[in-house]
Amino acid sequence: MEEIDNDKLLHDFFAENKQEIADNGFSQRVMHHLPSQSNWLVRIRTALIVIIGTILFVWLGGVEATLRNMQEAIANIDQKSLIIIAIVLLYLGMKKICSLT
């Protein structure tokens, strides 16, 4: 109940003390200097870099190295670490579920 009162008090305070600040064309100048959203050349360059990086990762054995390291890490893990990992994953999962509601 007190939280609702605080929210109402804050809302009333800011409504009473609202001030308009003169823009003097500042927003328009900022928007004019922003890069265009339809810059297709940047998108093509980004796509090419991602494709080249993926090809190099696979060609140089990144997939095999990643899988091998994951298998070694899992093989060398002890029971206490597994319990800690499970608790952390459960906590993060519950936090994500609660944030969706």
N, C-alpha and C. Protein backbone atom coordinates (compact mmCIF):
# COMPACT_ATOMS: atom_id res chain seq x y z
N MET A 1 0.83 -1.19 0.00
CA MET A 1 0.00 0.00 0.00
C MET A 1 0.87 1.25 0.00
N GLU A 2 1.94 1.19 0.78
CA GLU A 2 2.82 2.35 0.86
C GLU A 2 3.52 2.62 -0.47
N GLU A 3 3.82 1.53 -1.20
CA GLU A 3 4.46 1.69 -2.50
C GLU A 3 3.53 2.42 -3.47
N ILE A 4 2.25 2.11 -3.42
CA ILE A 4 1.28 2.78 -4.27
C ILE A 4 1.21 4.26 -3.92
N ASP A 5 1.23 4.56 -2.63
CA ASP A 5 1.21 5.96 -2.19
C ASP A 5 2.45 6.70 -2.69
N ASN A 6 3.60 6.04 -2.60
CA ASN A 6 4.84 6.67 -3.07
C ASN A 6 4.78 6.91 -4.58
N ASP A 7 4.25 5.95 -5.32
CA ASP A 7 4.13 6.12 -6.77
C ASP A 7 3.21 7.29 -7.10
N LYS A 8 2.12 7.39 -6.38
CA LYS A 8 1.17 8.49 -6.62
C LYS A 8 1.81 9.83 -6.28
N LEU A 9 2.54 9.86 -5.16
CA LEU A 9 3.21 11.10 -4.77
C LEU A 9 4.24 11.52 -5.82
N LEU A 10 5.02 10.56 -6.31
CA LEU A 10 6.01 10.88 -7.34
C LEU A 10 5.33 11.36 -8.62
N HIS A 11 4.28 10.67 -9.02
CA HIS A 11 3.56 11.07 -10.23
C HIS A 11 3.00 12.48 -10.09
N ASP A 12 2.39 12.76 -8.96
CA ASP A 12 1.83 14.10 -8.73
C ASP A 12 2.91 15.17 -8.71
N PHE A 13 4.04 14.85 -8.05
CA PHE A 13 5.14 15.82 -7.97
C PHE A 13 5.66 16.18 -9.35
N PHE A 14 5.93 15.14 -10.17
CA PHE A 14 6.48 15.41 -11.50
C PHE A 14 5.45 16.06 -12.41
N ALA A 15 4.17 15.76 -12.21
CA ALA A 15 3.14 16.41 -13.02
C ALA A 15 3.05 17.90 -12.70
N GLU A 16 3.20 18.25 -11.42
CA GLU A 16 3.13 19.66 -11.01
C GLU A 16 4.37 20.44 -11.42
N ASN A 17 5.53 19.78 -11.45
CA ASN A 17 6.80 20.47 -11.70
C ASN A 17 7.36 20.21 -13.09
N LYS A 18 6.51 19.89 -14.03
CA LYS A 18 6.95 19.61 -15.40
C LYS A 18 7.43 20.91 -16.04
N GLN A 19 8.62 20.82 -16.67
CA GLN A 19 9.19 21.98 -17.33
C GLN A 19 9.49 21.63 -18.78
N GLU A 20 9.15 22.52 -19.67
CA GLU A 20 9.47 22.35 -21.08
C GLU A 20 10.80 23.05 -21.35
N ILE A 21 11.71 22.33 -21.98
CA ILE A 21 13.02 22.88 -22.30
C ILE A 21 13.03 23.19 -23.80
N ALA A 22 13.49 24.38 -24.13
CA ALA A 22 13.51 24.79 -25.54
C ALA A 22 14.48 23.92 -26.32
N ASP A 23 14.02 23.39 -27.44
CA ASP A 23 14.81 22.47 -28.26
C ASP A 23 15.73 23.22 -29.21
N ASN A 24 15.26 24.33 -29.75
CA ASN A 24 16.03 25.16 -30.69
C ASN A 24 16.61 24.36 -31.86
N GLY A 25 15.87 23.35 -32.31
CA GLY A 25 16.30 22.56 -33.46
C GLY A 25 17.36 21.53 -33.15
N PHE A 26 17.69 21.31 -31.88
CA PHE A 26 18.75 20.36 -31.51
C PHE A 26 18.42 18.94 -31.96
N SER A 27 17.19 18.51 -31.69
CA SER A 27 16.79 17.14 -32.05
C SER A 27 16.90 16.92 -33.55
N GLN A 28 16.48 17.89 -34.32
CA GLN A 28 16.55 17.76 -35.78
C GLN A 28 17.99 17.68 -36.26
N ARG A 29 18.89 18.46 -35.66
CA ARG A 29 20.31 18.41 -36.05
C ARG A 29 20.92 17.06 -35.70
N VAL A 30 20.57 16.52 -34.54
CA VAL A 30 21.08 15.20 -34.14
C VAL A 30 20.58 14.14 -35.11
N MET A 31 19.30 14.16 -35.43
CA MET A 31 18.72 13.17 -36.33
C MET A 31 19.35 13.27 -37.73
N HIS A 32 19.69 14.48 -38.14
CA HIS A 32 20.29 14.69 -39.45
C HIS A 32 21.69 14.10 -39.52
N HIS A 33 22.41 14.07 -38.40
CA HIS A 33 23.78 13.57 -38.38
C HIS A 33 23.88 12.07 -38.11
N LEU A 34 22.77 11.42 -37.77
CA LEU A 34 22.79 9.98 -37.55
C LEU A 34 22.94 9.26 -38.89
N PRO A 35 23.60 8.09 -38.88
CA PRO A 35 23.72 7.35 -40.15
C PRO A 35 22.36 6.83 -40.60
N SER A 36 22.23 6.69 -41.88
CA SER A 36 20.97 6.21 -42.46
C SER A 36 20.74 4.75 -42.07
N GLN A 37 19.50 4.41 -41.76
CA GLN A 37 19.19 3.04 -41.38
C GLN A 37 19.18 2.11 -42.59
N SER A 38 19.05 2.64 -43.77
CA SER A 38 18.99 1.83 -44.98
C SER A 38 20.35 1.74 -45.66
N ASN A 39 21.42 1.75 -44.88
CA ASN A 39 22.77 1.68 -45.44
C ASN A 39 23.07 0.22 -45.80
N TRP A 40 22.74 -0.17 -47.01
CA TRP A 40 22.85 -1.56 -47.44
C TRP A 40 24.30 -2.00 -47.55
N LEU A 41 25.22 -1.06 -47.80
CA LEU A 41 26.63 -1.42 -47.93
C LEU A 41 27.19 -1.93 -46.60
N VAL A 42 26.79 -1.31 -45.50
CA VAL A 42 27.24 -1.75 -44.18
C VAL A 42 26.68 -3.14 -43.87
N ARG A 43 25.43 -3.37 -44.23
CA ARG A 43 24.82 -4.68 -43.98
C ARG A 43 25.50 -5.78 -44.80
N ILE A 44 25.82 -5.48 -46.04
CA ILE A 44 26.51 -6.47 -46.88
C ILE A 44 27.90 -6.75 -46.32
N ARG A 45 28.61 -5.71 -45.90
CA ARG A 45 29.95 -5.90 -45.33
C ARG A 45 29.88 -6.74 -44.05
N THR A 46 28.91 -6.46 -43.20
CA THR A 46 28.75 -7.23 -41.97
C THR A 46 28.44 -8.69 -42.28
N ALA A 47 27.56 -8.94 -43.23
CA ALA A 47 27.23 -10.31 -43.60
C ALA A 47 28.44 -11.04 -44.15
N LEU A 48 29.23 -10.37 -44.98
CA LEU A 48 30.44 -11.00 -45.52
C LEU A 48 31.45 -11.33 -44.42
N ILE A 49 31.62 -10.44 -43.48
CA ILE A 49 32.55 -10.70 -42.38
C ILE A 49 32.08 -11.89 -41.55
N VAL A 50 30.78 -11.98 -41.28
CA VAL A 50 30.25 -13.12 -40.52
C VAL A 50 30.45 -14.42 -41.30
N ILE A 51 30.18 -14.40 -42.59
CA ILE A 51 30.35 -15.61 -43.42
C ILE A 51 31.81 -16.03 -43.47
N ILE A 52 32.71 -15.08 -43.70
CA ILE A 52 34.14 -15.40 -43.75
C ILE A 52 34.63 -15.92 -42.40
N GLY A 53 34.18 -15.30 -41.31
CA GLY A 53 34.57 -15.77 -39.98
C GLY A 53 34.08 -17.17 -39.71
N THR A 54 32.85 -17.48 -40.10
CA THR A 54 32.30 -18.82 -39.90
C THR A 54 33.07 -19.85 -40.72
N ILE A 55 33.35 -19.51 -41.98
CA ILE A 55 34.12 -20.44 -42.83
C ILE A 55 35.50 -20.70 -42.24
N LEU A 56 36.19 -19.66 -41.80
CA LEU A 56 37.51 -19.83 -41.20
C LEU A 56 37.45 -20.66 -39.92
N PHE A 57 36.43 -20.43 -39.11
CA PHE A 57 36.28 -21.18 -37.86
C PHE A 57 36.14 -22.68 -38.15
N VAL A 58 35.31 -23.02 -39.13
CA VAL A 58 35.11 -24.43 -39.47
C VAL A 58 36.35 -24.99 -40.16
N TRP A 59 36.92 -24.26 -41.11
CA TRP A 59 38.05 -24.74 -41.89
C TRP A 59 39.31 -24.96 -41.02
N LEU A 60 39.52 -24.10 -40.05
CA LEU A 60 40.70 -24.22 -39.20
C LEU A 60 40.50 -25.14 -38.00
N GLY A 61 39.37 -25.83 -37.94
CA GLY A 61 39.15 -26.83 -36.90
C GLY A 61 38.59 -26.29 -35.61
N GLY A 62 37.92 -25.18 -35.67
CA GLY A 62 37.36 -24.60 -34.46
C GLY A 62 36.26 -25.44 -33.85
N VAL A 63 35.45 -26.09 -34.70
CA VAL A 63 34.36 -26.91 -34.19
C VAL A 63 34.93 -28.10 -33.43
N GLU A 64 35.89 -28.80 -34.03
CA GLU A 64 36.49 -29.96 -33.37
C GLU A 64 37.19 -29.57 -32.07
N ALA A 65 37.91 -28.46 -32.10
CA ALA A 65 38.61 -28.02 -30.89
C ALA A 65 37.63 -27.65 -29.79
N THR A 66 36.54 -27.00 -30.15
CA THR A 66 35.53 -26.64 -29.16
C THR A 66 34.90 -27.87 -28.55
N LEU A 67 34.51 -28.83 -29.40
CA LEU A 67 33.91 -30.07 -28.89
C LEU A 67 34.88 -30.85 -28.02
N ARG A 68 36.15 -30.94 -28.44
CA ARG A 68 37.17 -31.66 -27.66
C ARG A 68 37.36 -31.01 -26.29
N ASN A 69 37.44 -29.68 -26.26
CA ASN A 69 37.62 -28.99 -24.98
C ASN A 69 36.40 -29.15 -24.08
N MET A 70 35.21 -29.14 -24.67
CA MET A 70 34.00 -29.34 -23.86
C MET A 70 33.97 -30.76 -23.28
N GLN A 71 34.36 -31.77 -24.07
CA GLN A 71 34.38 -33.14 -23.57
C GLN A 71 35.40 -33.29 -22.44
N GLU A 72 36.57 -32.67 -22.58
CA GLU A 72 37.58 -32.73 -21.53
C GLU A 72 37.09 -32.04 -20.26
N ALA A 73 36.43 -30.91 -20.42
CA ALA A 73 35.93 -30.18 -19.26
C ALA A 73 34.85 -30.98 -18.53
N ILE A 74 33.98 -31.62 -19.30
CA ILE A 74 32.92 -32.42 -18.69
C ILE A 74 33.49 -33.66 -18.02
N ALA A 75 34.51 -34.26 -18.64
CA ALA A 75 35.11 -35.48 -18.07
C ALA A 75 35.85 -35.18 -16.77
N ASN A 76 36.39 -33.99 -16.63
CA ASN A 76 37.19 -33.64 -15.45
C ASN A 76 36.40 -32.94 -14.36
N ILE A 77 35.10 -32.87 -14.50
CA ILE A 77 34.30 -32.12 -13.53
C ILE A 77 33.93 -33.03 -12.36
N ASP A 78 33.94 -32.50 -11.15
CA ASP A 78 33.60 -33.31 -9.98
C ASP A 78 32.14 -33.08 -9.57
N GLN A 79 31.67 -33.85 -8.61
CA GLN A 79 30.27 -33.82 -8.21
C GLN A 79 29.87 -32.48 -7.60
N LYS A 80 30.74 -31.88 -6.81
CA LYS A 80 30.42 -30.58 -6.19
C LYS A 80 30.22 -29.51 -7.26
N SER A 81 31.06 -29.52 -8.28
CA SER A 81 30.93 -28.54 -9.35
C SER A 81 29.63 -28.74 -10.10
N LEU A 82 29.24 -30.00 -10.33
CA LEU A 82 27.97 -30.26 -11.00
C LEU A 82 26.80 -29.73 -10.20
N ILE A 83 26.85 -29.87 -8.89
CA ILE A 83 25.78 -29.37 -8.03
C ILE A 83 25.72 -27.84 -8.11
N ILE A 84 26.86 -27.19 -8.07
CA ILE A 84 26.90 -25.73 -8.16
C ILE A 84 26.37 -25.27 -9.51
N ILE A 85 26.77 -25.94 -10.59
CA ILE A 85 26.29 -25.59 -11.92
C ILE A 85 24.78 -25.75 -11.99
N ALA A 86 24.26 -26.85 -11.46
CA ALA A 86 22.82 -27.09 -11.48
C ALA A 86 22.07 -26.01 -10.71
N ILE A 87 22.59 -25.62 -9.55
CA ILE A 87 21.93 -24.59 -8.74
C ILE A 87 21.93 -23.25 -9.48
N VAL A 88 23.05 -22.90 -10.09
CA VAL A 88 23.14 -21.64 -10.82
C VAL A 88 22.17 -21.64 -12.01
N LEU A 89 22.13 -22.75 -12.75
CA LEU A 89 21.22 -22.83 -13.89
C LEU A 89 19.76 -22.77 -13.45
N LEU A 90 19.43 -23.44 -12.35
CA LEU A 90 18.06 -23.35 -11.82
C LEU A 90 17.72 -21.93 -11.41
N TYR A 91 18.66 -21.26 -10.75
CA TYR A 91 18.43 -19.87 -10.32
C TYR A 91 18.20 -18.97 -11.52
N LEU A 92 19.08 -19.09 -12.53
CA LEU A 92 18.93 -18.25 -13.72
C LEU A 92 17.63 -18.55 -14.46
N GLY A 93 17.26 -19.83 -14.51
CA GLY A 93 16.00 -20.19 -15.15
C GLY A 93 14.80 -19.62 -14.42
N MET A 94 14.80 -19.71 -13.10
CA MET A 94 13.70 -19.17 -12.32
C MET A 94 13.64 -17.65 -12.44
N LYS A 95 14.80 -17.01 -12.45
CA LYS A 95 14.85 -15.55 -12.61
C LYS A 95 14.26 -15.13 -13.95
N LYS A 96 14.58 -15.88 -15.01
CA LYS A 96 14.05 -15.58 -16.33
C LYS A 96 12.54 -15.81 -16.38
N ILE A 97 12.07 -16.89 -15.78
CA ILE A 97 10.63 -17.17 -15.75
C ILE A 97 9.90 -16.09 -14.98
N CYS A 98 10.46 -15.67 -13.86
CA CYS A 98 9.80 -14.62 -13.05
C CYS A 98 9.78 -13.28 -13.78
N SER A 99 10.80 -13.01 -14.58
CA SER A 99 10.84 -11.73 -15.28
C SER A 99 9.84 -11.69 -16.45
N LEU A 100 9.37 -12.84 -16.89
CA LEU A 100 8.40 -12.88 -17.98
C LEU A 100 6.99 -12.56 -17.52
N THR A 101 6.75 -12.70 -16.24
CA THR A 101 5.38 -12.47 -15.73
C THR A 101 5.16 -11.02 -15.39
